[in-house]
């Protein structure tokens, strides 16, 4: 039985890389829901049944031992419902508010995510728990996820215009720590750090991988690695070459 890792596109591959570092023996089935990409601008009442139906199909087809929802939007909207409906362990992905708050000296934290993530009450619950004394500056944008997809396929990207509104907010200049609230943005971290080298950037992927290792330590995560998409991806030859770097030799379409 493999470990199912799910995202809207390539974002969850950053989580896959961290899982492979901690659990190199684990067999991984990767599912990218690129047919519905991007999630961030879609309403919750559309996304929630979509997530439940698609994850259900994946569980029926692949019979994984556990599932990682390596997508902040899907986790903040559907994690509780998925855990209630399915009996296998399901690990989620949330914005790293806790480490960002611990690192901040100005008590001004940036949260960079999709519109769906930053508007959810789940984000506020994390702030209330881990950063009650911090001012939170959030930016939800659909642009960065698309740029991450393009960069993954080898294109040059410029993130400056997409990220600038975060710091243009009142007191945005006081931000000294950023919680990256979308796994796609992991792939843009070098660009972020080049623009704002004096800020502390916190990626959700390492924490998700650690939690996955803790929860699945006793499970027999064997089986062939495989990557699936819900629609033919753009530049498929390039995509297949890049997927090999993450341990996936072939690409299938989950119709």
C-alpha atoms as a PDB file:
ATOM      1  CA  UNK A   1       0.000   0.000   0.000  1.00  0.00           C
ATOM      2  CA  UNK A   2       1.315   3.405  -0.958  1.00  0.00           C
ATOM      3  CA  UNK A   3       0.994   6.875   0.496  1.00  0.00           C
ATOM      4  CA  UNK A   4      -1.421   9.080  -1.467  1.00  0.00           C
ATOM      5  CA  UNK A   5      -0.236  12.686  -1.813  1.00  0.00           C
ATOM      6  CA  UNK A   6      -2.799  15.099  -3.276  1.00  0.00           C
ATOM      7  CA  UNK A   7      -2.603  18.653  -4.590  1.00  0.00           C
ATOM      8  CA  UNK A   8      -4.148  20.824  -7.291  1.00  0.00           C
ATOM      9  CA  UNK A   9      -0.961  20.664  -9.354  1.00  0.00           C
ATOM     10  CA  UNK A  10       2.775  20.490  -8.772  1.00  0.00           C
ATOM     11  CA  UNK A  11       2.688  22.175  -5.358  1.00  0.00           C
ATOM     12  CA  UNK A  12       2.540  18.932  -3.387  1.00  0.00           C
ATOM     13  CA  UNK A  13       5.773  17.738  -4.984  1.00  0.00           C
ATOM     14  CA  UNK A  14       7.624  19.915  -2.486  1.00  0.00           C
ATOM     15  CA  UNK A  15       5.953  17.829   0.216  1.00  0.00           C
ATOM     16  CA  UNK A  16       6.882  14.658  -1.680  1.00  0.00           C
ATOM     17  CA  UNK A  17      10.544  15.731  -1.657  1.00  0.00           C
ATOM     18  CA  UNK A  18      10.447  16.199   2.123  1.00  0.00           C
ATOM     19  CA  UNK A  19       8.647  12.872   2.648  1.00  0.00           C
ATOM     20  CA  UNK A  20      11.269  11.072   0.564  1.00  0.00           C
ATOM     21  CA  UNK A  21      13.996  12.651   2.688  1.00  0.00           C
ATOM     22  CA  UNK A  22      12.418  11.290   5.890  1.00  0.00           C
ATOM     23  CA  UNK A  23      10.895   8.084   4.504  1.00  0.00           C
ATOM     24  CA  UNK A  24      12.958   7.086   1.472  1.00  0.00           C
ATOM     25  CA  UNK A  25      11.430   3.612   1.403  1.00  0.00           C
ATOM     26  CA  UNK A  26       7.828   4.836   1.101  1.00  0.00           C
ATOM     27  CA  UNK A  27       5.900   4.135  -2.073  1.00  0.00           C
ATOM     28  CA  UNK A  28       4.030   7.283  -3.137  1.00  0.00           C
ATOM     29  CA  UNK A  29       1.013   7.783  -5.378  1.00  0.00           C
ATOM     30  CA  UNK A  30       0.863  11.435  -6.392  1.00  0.00           C
ATOM     31  CA  UNK A  31      -2.436  12.910  -7.599  1.00  0.00           C
ATOM     32  CA  UNK A  32      -2.526  16.372  -9.183  1.00  0.00           C
ATOM     33  CA  UNK A  33      -6.019  17.755  -9.764  1.00  0.00           C
ATOM     34  CA  UNK A  34      -4.906  20.002 -12.596  1.00  0.00           C
ATOM     35  CA  UNK A  35      -8.323  19.803 -14.272  1.00  0.00           C
ATOM     36  CA  UNK A  36      -9.668  22.013 -11.469  1.00  0.00           C
ATOM     37  CA  UNK A  37      -6.543  24.175 -11.026  1.00  0.00           C
ATOM     38  CA  UNK A  38      -6.472  26.756  -9.525  1.00  0.00           C
ATOM     39  CA  UNK A  39      -8.619  26.267  -6.435  1.00  0.00           C
ATOM     40  CA  UNK A  40      -8.057  29.635  -4.802  1.00  0.00           C
ATOM     41  CA  UNK A  41     -10.811  31.643  -6.474  1.00  0.00           C
ATOM     42  CA  UNK A  42     -13.527  28.969  -6.384  1.00  0.00           C
ATOM     43  CA  UNK A  43     -16.286  29.089  -3.719  1.00  0.00           C
ATOM     44  CA  UNK A  44     -16.205  26.659  -0.820  1.00  0.00           C
ATOM     45  CA  UNK A  45     -19.586  25.128  -1.680  1.00  0.00           C
ATOM     46  CA  UNK A  46     -18.125  24.009  -5.013  1.00  0.00           C
ATOM     47  CA  UNK A  47     -14.785  22.860  -3.680  1.00  0.00           C
ATOM     48  CA  UNK A  48     -15.901  20.834  -0.660  1.00  0.00           C
ATOM     49  CA  UNK A  49     -17.984  18.205  -2.535  1.00  0.00           C
ATOM     50  CA  UNK A  50     -15.348  18.155  -5.263  1.00  0.00           C
ATOM     51  CA  UNK A  51     -12.604  17.267  -2.779  1.00  0.00           C
ATOM     52  CA  UNK A  52     -14.688  14.570  -1.112  1.00  0.00           C
ATOM     53  CA  UNK A  53     -15.641  12.984  -4.426  1.00  0.00           C
ATOM     54  CA  UNK A  54     -12.144  13.093  -5.948  1.00  0.00           C
ATOM     55  CA  UNK A  55     -10.337  11.846  -2.847  1.00  0.00           C
ATOM     56  CA  UNK A  56     -12.953   9.100  -2.577  1.00  0.00           C
ATOM     57  CA  UNK A  57     -12.259   8.018  -6.160  1.00  0.00           C
ATOM     58  CA  UNK A  58      -8.524   8.027  -5.470  1.00  0.00           C
ATOM     59  CA  UNK A  59      -8.945   5.935  -2.331  1.00  0.00           C
ATOM     60  CA  UNK A  60     -11.102   3.429  -4.207  1.00  0.00           C
ATOM     61  CA  UNK A  61      -8.649   3.181  -7.107  1.00  0.00           C
ATOM     62  CA  UNK A  62      -5.274   3.259  -5.342  1.00  0.00           C
ATOM     63  CA  UNK A  63      -6.152   1.783  -1.915  1.00  0.00           C
ATOM     64  CA  UNK A  64      -3.532   3.867  -0.086  1.00  0.00           C
ATOM     65  CA  UNK A  65      -2.494   3.226   3.504  1.00  0.00           C
ATOM     66  CA  UNK A  66      -2.767   6.945   4.273  1.00  0.00           C
ATOM     67  CA  UNK A  67      -3.367  10.217   2.454  1.00  0.00           C
ATOM     68  CA  UNK A  68      -1.599  13.563   2.597  1.00  0.00           C
ATOM     69  CA  UNK A  69      -3.658  16.569   1.513  1.00  0.00           C
ATOM     70  CA  UNK A  70      -0.626  18.569   0.407  1.00  0.00           C
ATOM     71  CA  UNK A  71      -2.710  21.629  -0.416  1.00  0.00           C
ATOM     72  CA  UNK A  72      -3.526  24.412   2.016  1.00  0.00           C
ATOM     73  CA  UNK A  73      -6.791  25.313   0.295  1.00  0.00           C
ATOM     74  CA  UNK A  74      -8.075  21.735   0.299  1.00  0.00           C
ATOM     75  CA  UNK A  75      -6.946  21.202   3.889  1.00  0.00           C
ATOM     76  CA  UNK A  76      -8.556  24.331   5.287  1.00  0.00           C
ATOM     77  CA  UNK A  77     -11.833  23.586   3.495  1.00  0.00           C
ATOM     78  CA  UNK A  78     -12.173  19.810   3.591  1.00  0.00           C
ATOM     79  CA  UNK A  79      -9.811  18.174   6.084  1.00  0.00           C
ATOM     80  CA  UNK A  80     -12.409  17.666   8.807  1.00  0.00           C
ATOM     81  CA  UNK A  81     -14.984  16.305   6.340  1.00  0.00           C
ATOM     82  CA  UNK A  82     -12.452  13.950   4.763  1.00  0.00           C
ATOM     83  CA  UNK A  83     -11.419  12.562   8.133  1.00  0.00           C
ATOM     84  CA  UNK A  84     -15.049  12.036   9.065  1.00  0.00           C
ATOM     85  CA  UNK A  85     -15.872  10.208   5.824  1.00  0.00           C
ATOM     86  CA  UNK A  86     -12.792   8.029   5.341  1.00  0.00           C
ATOM     87  CA  UNK A  87     -11.198   5.703   7.865  1.00  0.00           C
ATOM     88  CA  UNK A  88      -7.565   5.857   6.747  1.00  0.00           C
ATOM     89  CA  UNK A  89      -5.136   8.372   8.308  1.00  0.00           C
ATOM     90  CA  UNK A  90      -5.373  11.741   6.548  1.00  0.00           C
ATOM     91  CA  UNK A  91      -2.671  14.350   7.086  1.00  0.00           C
ATOM     92  CA  UNK A  92      -3.345  17.981   6.246  1.00  0.00           C
ATOM     93  CA  UNK A  93      -1.324  21.043   5.393  1.00  0.00           C
ATOM     94  CA  UNK A  94      -1.835  24.403   7.095  1.00  0.00           C
ATOM     95  CA  UNK A  95      -0.023  27.749   6.943  1.00  0.00           C
ATOM     96  CA  UNK A  96       3.049  27.744   9.245  1.00  0.00           C
ATOM     97  CA  UNK A  97       1.769  30.465  11.554  1.00  0.00           C
ATOM     98  CA  UNK A  98       3.394  28.967  14.649  1.00  0.00           C
ATOM     99  CA  UNK A  99       7.036  29.114  13.501  1.00  0.00           C
ATOM    100  CA  UNK A 100       6.505  32.512  11.862  1.00  0.00           C
ATOM    101  CA  UNK A 101       5.161  33.922  15.123  1.00  0.00           C
ATOM    102  CA  UNK A 102       8.025  32.394  17.066  1.00  0.00           C
ATOM    103  CA  UNK A 103      10.552  34.052  14.762  1.00  0.00           C
ATOM    104  CA  UNK A 104       8.936  37.494  14.477  1.00  0.00           C
ATOM    105  CA  UNK A 105      10.470  40.309  16.495  1.00  0.00           C
ATOM    106  CA  UNK A 106       8.245  43.076  15.134  1.00  0.00           C
ATOM    107  CA  UNK A 107       5.079  40.977  15.765  1.00  0.00           C
ATOM    108  CA  UNK A 108       3.990  41.668  12.207  1.00  0.00           C
ATOM    109  CA  UNK A 109       3.568  38.469  10.180  1.00  0.00           C
ATOM    110  CA  UNK A 110       2.808  38.047   6.499  1.00  0.00           C
ATOM    111  CA  UNK A 111       0.648  35.195   5.229  1.00  0.00           C
ATOM    112  CA  UNK A 112       0.975  34.430   1.546  1.00  0.00           C
ATOM    113  CA  UNK A 113      -1.672  32.059   0.222  1.00  0.00           C
ATOM    114  CA  UNK A 114      -4.639  31.622  -2.067  1.00  0.00           C
ATOM    115  CA  UNK A 115      -7.824  33.626  -1.623  1.00  0.00           C
ATOM    116  CA  UNK A 116      -9.586  30.499  -0.330  1.00  0.00           C
ATOM    117  CA  UNK A 117      -6.935  29.922   2.330  1.00  0.00           C
ATOM    118  CA  UNK A 118      -6.665  33.448   3.671  1.00  0.00           C
ATOM    119  CA  UNK A 119     -10.428  33.930   3.956  1.00  0.00           C
ATOM    120  CA  UNK A 120     -11.046  30.716   5.912  1.00  0.00           C
ATOM    121  CA  UNK A 121     -11.853  30.723   9.625  1.00  0.00           C
ATOM    122  CA  UNK A 122      -9.229  28.002  10.005  1.00  0.00           C
ATOM    123  CA  UNK A 123      -6.493  30.545   9.394  1.00  0.00           C
ATOM    124  CA  UNK A 124      -7.908  32.797  12.094  1.00  0.00           C
ATOM    125  CA  UNK A 125      -7.991  29.862  14.500  1.00  0.00           C
ATOM    126  CA  UNK A 126      -4.265  29.311  13.902  1.00  0.00           C
ATOM    127  CA  UNK A 127      -3.614  32.996  14.508  1.00  0.00           C
ATOM    128  CA  UNK A 128      -5.674  32.976  17.707  1.00  0.00           C
ATOM    129  CA  UNK A 129      -3.775  29.931  18.966  1.00  0.00           C
ATOM    130  CA  UNK A 130      -0.199  30.667  17.935  1.00  0.00           C
ATOM    131  CA  UNK A 131       0.027  34.396  17.197  1.00  0.00           C
ATOM    132  CA  UNK A 132      -2.555  36.241  19.293  1.00  0.00           C
ATOM    133  CA  UNK A 133      -0.220  39.182  19.843  1.00  0.00           C
ATOM    134  CA  UNK A 134       0.751  39.547  16.177  1.00  0.00           C
ATOM    135  CA  UNK A 135      -0.633  41.753  13.441  1.00  0.00           C
ATOM    136  CA  UNK A 136      -1.427  39.547  10.452  1.00  0.00           C
ATOM    137  CA  UNK A 137      -0.971  40.851   6.925  1.00  0.00           C
ATOM    138  CA  UNK A 138      -2.435  38.391   4.442  1.00  0.00           C
ATOM    139  CA  UNK A 139      -2.464  38.270   0.670  1.00  0.00           C
ATOM    140  CA  UNK A 140      -4.540  35.857  -1.389  1.00  0.00           C
ATOM    141  CA  UNK A 141      -3.591  35.816  -5.033  1.00  0.00           C
ATOM    142  CA  UNK A 142      -4.202  33.405  -7.931  1.00  0.00           C
ATOM    143  CA  UNK A 143      -1.122  34.606  -9.797  1.00  0.00           C
ATOM    144  CA  UNK A 144       1.646  32.938  -7.832  1.00  0.00           C
ATOM    145  CA  UNK A 145       0.381  29.374  -8.188  1.00  0.00           C
ATOM    146  CA  UNK A 146       0.346  29.753 -11.960  1.00  0.00           C
ATOM    147  CA  UNK A 147       3.866  31.205 -11.858  1.00  0.00           C
ATOM    148  CA  UNK A 148       5.008  28.219  -9.798  1.00  0.00           C
ATOM    149  CA  UNK A 149       3.563  25.848 -12.396  1.00  0.00           C
ATOM    150  CA  UNK A 150       5.369  27.720 -15.148  1.00  0.00           C
ATOM    151  CA  UNK A 151       8.657  27.748 -13.260  1.00  0.00           C
ATOM    152  CA  UNK A 152       8.388  24.001 -12.657  1.00  0.00           C
ATOM    153  CA  UNK A 153       8.238  23.529 -16.430  1.00  0.00           C
ATOM    154  CA  UNK A 154      11.402  25.574 -16.910  1.00  0.00           C
ATOM    155  CA  UNK A 155      10.042  29.044 -17.658  1.00  0.00           C
ATOM    156  CA  UNK A 156      11.501  32.240 -16.228  1.00  0.00           C
ATOM    157  CA  UNK A 157       9.081  33.963 -13.852  1.00  0.00           C
ATOM    158  CA  UNK A 158       8.855  37.332 -12.112  1.00  0.00           C
ATOM    159  CA  UNK A 159       6.986  37.364  -8.799  1.00  0.00           C
ATOM    160  CA  UNK A 160       7.601  40.999  -7.851  1.00  0.00           C
ATOM    161  CA  UNK A 161       4.249  42.437  -8.959  1.00  0.00           C
ATOM    162  CA  UNK A 162       2.270  39.557  -7.449  1.00  0.00           C
ATOM    163  CA  UNK A 163       3.847  39.797  -4.003  1.00  0.00           C
ATOM    164  CA  UNK A 164       4.204  43.589  -3.717  1.00  0.00           C
ATOM    165  CA  UNK A 165       0.620  44.181  -2.427  1.00  0.00           C
ATOM    166  CA  UNK A 166       1.462  42.253   0.745  1.00  0.00           C
ATOM    167  CA  UNK A 167       3.969  44.919   1.752  1.00  0.00           C
ATOM    168  CA  UNK A 168       1.847  47.812   0.473  1.00  0.00           C
ATOM    169  CA  UNK A 169      -0.721  47.198   3.225  1.00  0.00           C
ATOM    170  CA  UNK A 170      -0.730  49.541   6.241  1.00  0.00           C
ATOM    171  CA  UNK A 171       2.348  48.710   8.350  1.00  0.00           C
ATOM    172  CA  UNK A 172       3.376  46.156   5.742  1.00  0.00           C
ATOM    173  CA  UNK A 173       6.907  47.440   6.011  1.00  0.00           C
ATOM    174  CA  UNK A 174       7.046  46.018   9.546  1.00  0.00           C
ATOM    175  CA  UNK A 175       6.630  42.427   8.367  1.00  0.00           C
ATOM    176  CA  UNK A 176       9.663  40.366   9.330  1.00  0.00           C
ATOM    177  CA  UNK A 177       8.341  36.795   8.970  1.00  0.00           C
ATOM    178  CA  UNK A 178       6.257  35.195   6.227  1.00  0.00           C
ATOM    179  CA  UNK A 179       4.137  32.061   6.515  1.00  0.00           C
ATOM    180  CA  UNK A 180       3.901  30.490   3.064  1.00  0.00           C
ATOM    181  CA  UNK A 181       0.306  29.302   2.915  1.00  0.00           C
ATOM    182  CA  UNK A 182       0.318  27.485  -0.427  1.00  0.00           C
ATOM    183  CA  UNK A 183       2.502  24.521  -1.291  1.00  0.00           C
ATOM    184  CA  UNK A 184       2.911  25.824  -4.847  1.00  0.00           C
ATOM    185  CA  UNK A 185       4.792  28.792  -3.434  1.00  0.00           C
ATOM    186  CA  UNK A 186       7.533  26.487  -2.149  1.00  0.00           C
ATOM    187  CA  UNK A 187       8.858  26.497  -5.704  1.00  0.00           C
ATOM    188  CA  UNK A 188       9.009  30.308  -5.716  1.00  0.00           C
ATOM    189  CA  UNK A 189      10.860  30.676  -2.437  1.00  0.00           C
ATOM    190  CA  UNK A 190      14.194  31.501  -4.148  1.00  0.00           C
ATOM    191  CA  UNK A 191      12.500  34.377  -5.958  1.00  0.00           C
ATOM    192  CA  UNK A 192      10.858  35.596  -2.742  1.00  0.00           C
ATOM    193  CA  UNK A 193      14.132  35.506  -0.821  1.00  0.00           C
ATOM    194  CA  UNK A 194      15.976  37.309  -3.603  1.00  0.00           C
ATOM    195  CA  UNK A 195      13.464  40.166  -3.430  1.00  0.00           C
ATOM    196  CA  UNK A 196      13.201  40.260   0.382  1.00  0.00           C
ATOM    197  CA  UNK A 197      16.419  38.723   1.755  1.00  0.00           C
ATOM    198  CA  UNK A 198      16.017  40.113   5.262  1.00  0.00           C
ATOM    199  CA  UNK A 199      12.717  38.362   5.985  1.00  0.00           C
ATOM    200  CA  UNK A 200      12.254  34.910   7.519  1.00  0.00           C
ATOM    201  CA  UNK A 201      10.293  32.627   5.158  1.00  0.00           C
ATOM    202  CA  UNK A 202       8.493  29.554   6.480  1.00  0.00           C
ATOM    203  CA  UNK A 203       7.558  26.704   4.157  1.00  0.00           C
ATOM    204  CA  UNK A 204       4.764  24.265   5.150  1.00  0.00           C
ATOM    205  CA  UNK A 205       6.347  21.217   3.463  1.00  0.00           C
ATOM    206  CA  UNK A 206       8.869  20.121   6.155  1.00  0.00           C
ATOM    207  CA  UNK A 207       6.254  20.128   8.917  1.00  0.00           C
ATOM    208  CA  UNK A 208       3.809  18.136   6.777  1.00  0.00           C
ATOM    209  CA  UNK A 209       6.506  15.551   6.071  1.00  0.00           C
ATOM    210  CA  UNK A 210       7.390  15.251   9.769  1.00  0.00           C
ATOM    211  CA  UNK A 211       3.746  14.780  10.690  1.00  0.00           C
ATOM    212  CA  UNK A 212       3.363  12.206   7.926  1.00  0.00           C
ATOM    213  CA  UNK A 213       6.383  10.271   9.212  1.00  0.00           C
ATOM    214  CA  UNK A 214       5.014  10.301  12.748  1.00  0.00           C
ATOM    215  CA  UNK A 215       1.559   9.080  11.738  1.00  0.00           C
ATOM    216  CA  UNK A 216       2.643   6.471   9.194  1.00  0.00           C
ATOM    217  CA  UNK A 217       5.726   5.084  10.964  1.00  0.00           C
ATOM    218  CA  UNK A 218       4.000   1.788  11.739  1.00  0.00           C
ATOM    219  CA  UNK A 219       2.405   1.408   8.289  1.00  0.00           C
ATOM    220  CA  UNK A 220       3.838  -0.693   5.483  1.00  0.00           C
ATOM    221  CA  UNK A 221       4.226   1.983   2.819  1.00  0.00           C
ATOM    222  CA  UNK A 222       5.350  -0.145  -0.073  1.00  0.00           C
ATOM    223  CA  UNK A 223       4.350  -0.262  -3.691  1.00  0.00           C
ATOM    224  CA  UNK A 224       5.340   1.364  -6.960  1.00  0.00           C
ATOM    225  CA  UNK A 225       5.638   5.130  -7.184  1.00  0.00           C
ATOM    226  CA  UNK A 226       3.142   6.596  -9.614  1.00  0.00           C
ATOM    227  CA  UNK A 227       1.975  10.065 -10.652  1.00  0.00           C
ATOM    228  CA  UNK A 228      -1.534  10.819 -11.855  1.00  0.00           C
ATOM    229  CA  UNK A 229      -3.210  13.966 -13.156  1.00  0.00           C
ATOM    230  CA  UNK A 230      -6.907  14.642 -13.652  1.00  0.00           C
ATOM    231  CA  UNK A 231      -6.293  16.157 -17.116  1.00  0.00           C
ATOM    232  CA  UNK A 232      -3.427  16.049 -19.626  1.00  0.00           C
ATOM    233  CA  UNK A 233      -0.837  18.534 -18.335  1.00  0.00           C
ATOM    234  CA  UNK A 234       0.680  21.278 -20.485  1.00  0.00           C
ATOM    235  CA  UNK A 235       4.085  20.463 -21.961  1.00  0.00           C
ATOM    236  CA  UNK A 236       3.740  16.773 -21.040  1.00  0.00           C
ATOM    237  CA  UNK A 237       7.272  15.785 -22.068  1.00  0.00           C
ATOM    238  CA  UNK A 238       8.748  18.464 -19.840  1.00  0.00           C
ATOM    239  CA  UNK A 239       6.413  17.499 -17.027  1.00  0.00           C
ATOM    240  CA  UNK A 240       7.440  13.852 -17.254  1.00  0.00           C
ATOM    241  CA  UNK A 241      11.117  14.777 -17.158  1.00  0.00           C
ATOM    242  CA  UNK A 242      10.598  16.909 -14.072  1.00  0.00           C
ATOM    243  CA  UNK A 243       8.500  14.234 -12.351  1.00  0.00           C
ATOM    244  CA  UNK A 244      11.423  11.818 -12.618  1.00  0.00           C
ATOM    245  CA  UNK A 245      13.349  14.064 -10.248  1.00  0.00           C
ATOM    246  CA  UNK A 246      10.714  13.224  -7.627  1.00  0.00           C
ATOM    247  CA  UNK A 247      10.792   9.484  -8.255  1.00  0.00           C
ATOM    248  CA  UNK A 248       7.949   9.166 -10.768  1.00  0.00           C
ATOM    249  CA  UNK A 249       8.814   7.457 -14.042  1.00  0.00           C
ATOM    250  CA  UNK A 250       5.406   7.685 -15.672  1.00  0.00           C
ATOM    251  CA  UNK A 251       2.369   9.956 -15.757  1.00  0.00           C
ATOM    252  CA  UNK A 252      -1.207   8.682 -15.848  1.00  0.00           C
ATOM    253  CA  UNK A 253      -4.557  10.426 -16.315  1.00  0.00           C
ATOM    254  CA  UNK A 254      -7.292   9.742 -13.768  1.00  0.00           C
ATOM    255  CA  UNK A 255     -10.341  10.183 -15.986  1.00  0.00           C
END
